[in-house]
Protein backbone atom coordinates (compact mmCIF):
# COMPACT_ATOMS: atom_id res chain seq x y z
CA MET A 1 110.91 91.81 117.61
CA THR A 2 107.45 89.63 118.44
CA TRP A 3 104.42 90.77 116.43
CA VAL A 4 100.99 90.74 118.06
CA PRO A 5 98.10 90.51 115.20
CA CYS A 6 95.94 92.94 115.53
CA ARG A 7 92.71 95.07 113.83
CA LEU A 8 90.99 98.48 113.93
CA SER A 9 87.92 98.16 116.06
CA HIS A 10 86.87 101.95 116.38
CA VAL A 11 87.83 105.12 115.54
CA LEU A 12 86.22 107.65 118.33
CA VAL A 13 84.64 110.92 116.38
CA GLU A 14 84.09 113.83 118.66
CA GLU A 15 82.80 116.56 116.04
CA HIS A 16 83.64 119.12 119.70
CA ASN A 17 86.78 117.65 119.91
CA ASP A 18 89.86 118.29 118.24
CA SER A 19 91.43 115.23 119.52
CA GLN A 20 90.16 111.85 118.45
CA ALA A 21 91.09 108.21 118.83
CA ILE A 22 92.02 105.09 117.70
CA PHE A 23 91.40 101.89 118.61
CA LEU A 24 93.26 98.59 117.92
CA SER A 25 92.10 95.55 119.75
CA GLU A 26 94.70 91.83 119.68
CA ILE A 27 92.85 89.91 117.22
CA ASN A 28 93.74 86.65 119.65
CA GLY A 29 93.37 88.55 123.10
CA PRO A 30 92.41 91.33 125.03
CA ARG A 31 94.81 94.07 124.82
CA ARG A 32 93.89 97.09 123.12
CA LEU A 33 95.36 100.31 122.35
CA ALA A 34 94.04 103.38 121.35
CA ILE A 35 96.12 106.23 119.69
CA VAL A 36 94.99 109.71 119.45
CA ILE A 37 94.63 111.69 116.22
CA GLY A 38 93.96 114.86 114.68
CA ALA A 39 90.07 115.18 113.75
CA MET A 40 90.62 115.13 109.69
CA GLU A 41 92.22 111.93 110.00
CA ALA A 42 89.60 110.27 112.13
CA ALA A 43 87.14 111.57 109.99
CA ALA A 44 89.04 110.34 107.21
CA ILE A 45 89.62 106.75 108.98
CA ASN A 46 86.33 106.05 110.46
CA ARG A 47 84.55 106.53 106.29
CA ALA A 48 87.03 104.43 104.92
CA ALA A 49 86.39 101.75 107.44
CA LYS A 50 82.80 102.26 106.39
CA GLY A 51 83.39 101.63 103.17
CA GLU A 52 82.62 105.38 102.16
CA SER A 53 84.54 107.41 99.43
CA PHE A 54 84.76 110.74 98.55
CA ALA A 55 84.54 112.33 94.98
CA ARG A 56 87.73 113.23 95.01
CA PRO A 57 90.80 111.31 96.37
CA LEU A 58 91.99 111.78 99.96
CA THR A 59 95.52 111.77 100.91
CA HIS A 60 95.04 108.14 102.23
CA ASP A 61 93.63 106.93 98.95
CA LEU A 62 96.61 108.93 97.02
CA ILE A 63 98.89 106.99 99.01
CA VAL A 64 97.34 103.70 97.98
CA LYS A 65 97.21 105.06 94.32
CA LEU A 66 101.23 105.57 94.86
CA ILE A 67 101.98 102.04 95.65
CA GLU A 68 100.06 100.41 93.17
CA ALA A 69 101.50 102.64 90.49
CA THR A 70 104.70 102.42 91.69
CA GLY A 71 104.73 98.28 91.66
CA ARG A 72 104.02 97.53 94.52
CA ARG A 73 102.05 96.42 97.11
CA CYS A 74 101.50 96.56 101.30
CA THR A 75 102.28 93.80 102.81
CA ALA A 76 101.89 94.63 106.38
CA VAL A 77 100.82 97.84 108.23
CA ARG A 78 103.05 97.83 111.64
CA ILE A 79 103.23 99.96 114.85
CA ILE A 80 106.68 99.74 115.75
CA SER A 81 107.55 101.33 118.95
CA PHE A 82 106.33 103.70 121.98
CA LYS A 83 108.56 106.69 122.64
CA ASP A 84 108.14 109.54 124.59
CA GLY A 85 104.27 109.68 124.37
CA THR A 86 104.52 109.09 120.46
CA TYR A 87 103.49 105.90 118.73
CA PHE A 88 105.71 104.99 115.69
CA ALA A 89 104.74 103.08 112.48
CA GLU A 90 105.34 101.34 109.36
CA LEU A 91 104.11 100.54 106.30
CA LEU A 92 105.85 97.10 104.08
CA LEU A 93 106.11 97.53 100.63
CA GLU A 94 107.05 95.26 98.36
CA ASP A 95 107.99 95.39 95.22
CA SER A 96 107.82 92.74 92.35
CA SER A 97 111.05 91.34 93.05
CA GLY A 98 110.35 90.76 96.24
CA VAL A 99 112.45 93.34 98.14
CA VAL A 100 110.54 94.34 101.15
CA THR A 101 111.03 98.49 101.64
CA ALA A 102 110.10 99.78 105.33
CA ILE A 103 109.05 103.15 105.08
CA ASP A 104 108.42 105.16 107.85
CA CYS A 105 105.14 106.88 108.73
CA ARG A 106 102.72 108.27 111.63
CA PRO A 107 100.24 105.55 112.91
CA SER A 108 97.64 107.45 111.31
CA ASP A 109 98.39 107.54 108.12
CA ALA A 110 99.15 103.87 108.83
CA ILE A 111 95.49 102.96 109.58
CA GLY A 112 94.26 105.39 107.33
CA VAL A 113 95.75 103.29 104.18
CA LEU A 114 95.13 100.05 105.80
CA ALA A 115 91.32 101.11 106.61
CA ARG A 116 91.75 101.43 102.52
CA LEU A 117 93.71 98.10 101.65
CA ASN A 118 91.72 94.61 101.99
CA GLY A 119 93.74 91.50 103.64
CA VAL A 120 97.09 93.63 105.08
CA PRO A 121 97.75 92.58 107.88
CA LEU A 122 98.31 94.91 111.31
CA ASP A 123 100.86 93.94 113.93
CA ILE A 124 101.83 95.70 116.97
CA ALA A 125 105.15 94.72 118.55
CA SER A 126 104.45 92.88 121.85
CA GLU A 127 106.77 96.01 123.66
CA VAL A 128 104.51 99.19 122.70
CA PHE A 129 101.46 96.89 124.50
CA GLU A 130 104.51 96.29 127.32
CA ALA A 131 105.46 100.20 127.36
CA THR A 132 101.64 101.30 127.10
CA ASP A 133 100.18 98.76 129.37
CA GLY A 134 98.06 98.03 126.78
């Protein structure tokens, strides 16, 4: 599988719509994906991307704390496939001995975690761009 380095480029939050979107853009090229997500997930990602915090931890904050508390670090966030209109993602977690485990997750959760971590790469499988005409 060929990985394309990407970034979270935009979060579309429309207050009067239940479906929101995140836009992931290729770093060294013109391709872009729009992934429709829920309103709560979009709001959480948008606030994290802007550096805003909440008085109490949200689900993505909890995930980051769990990763850290178990002695692991997130080494990459990946959008791995697109099947039947659904995107699939994974978090790559590395333990202290260098063993990497791929954790299956929804793209909105993967990007929610990514928005709270510094320096973690976002990679999208080239096949995903091909399948979606990204």
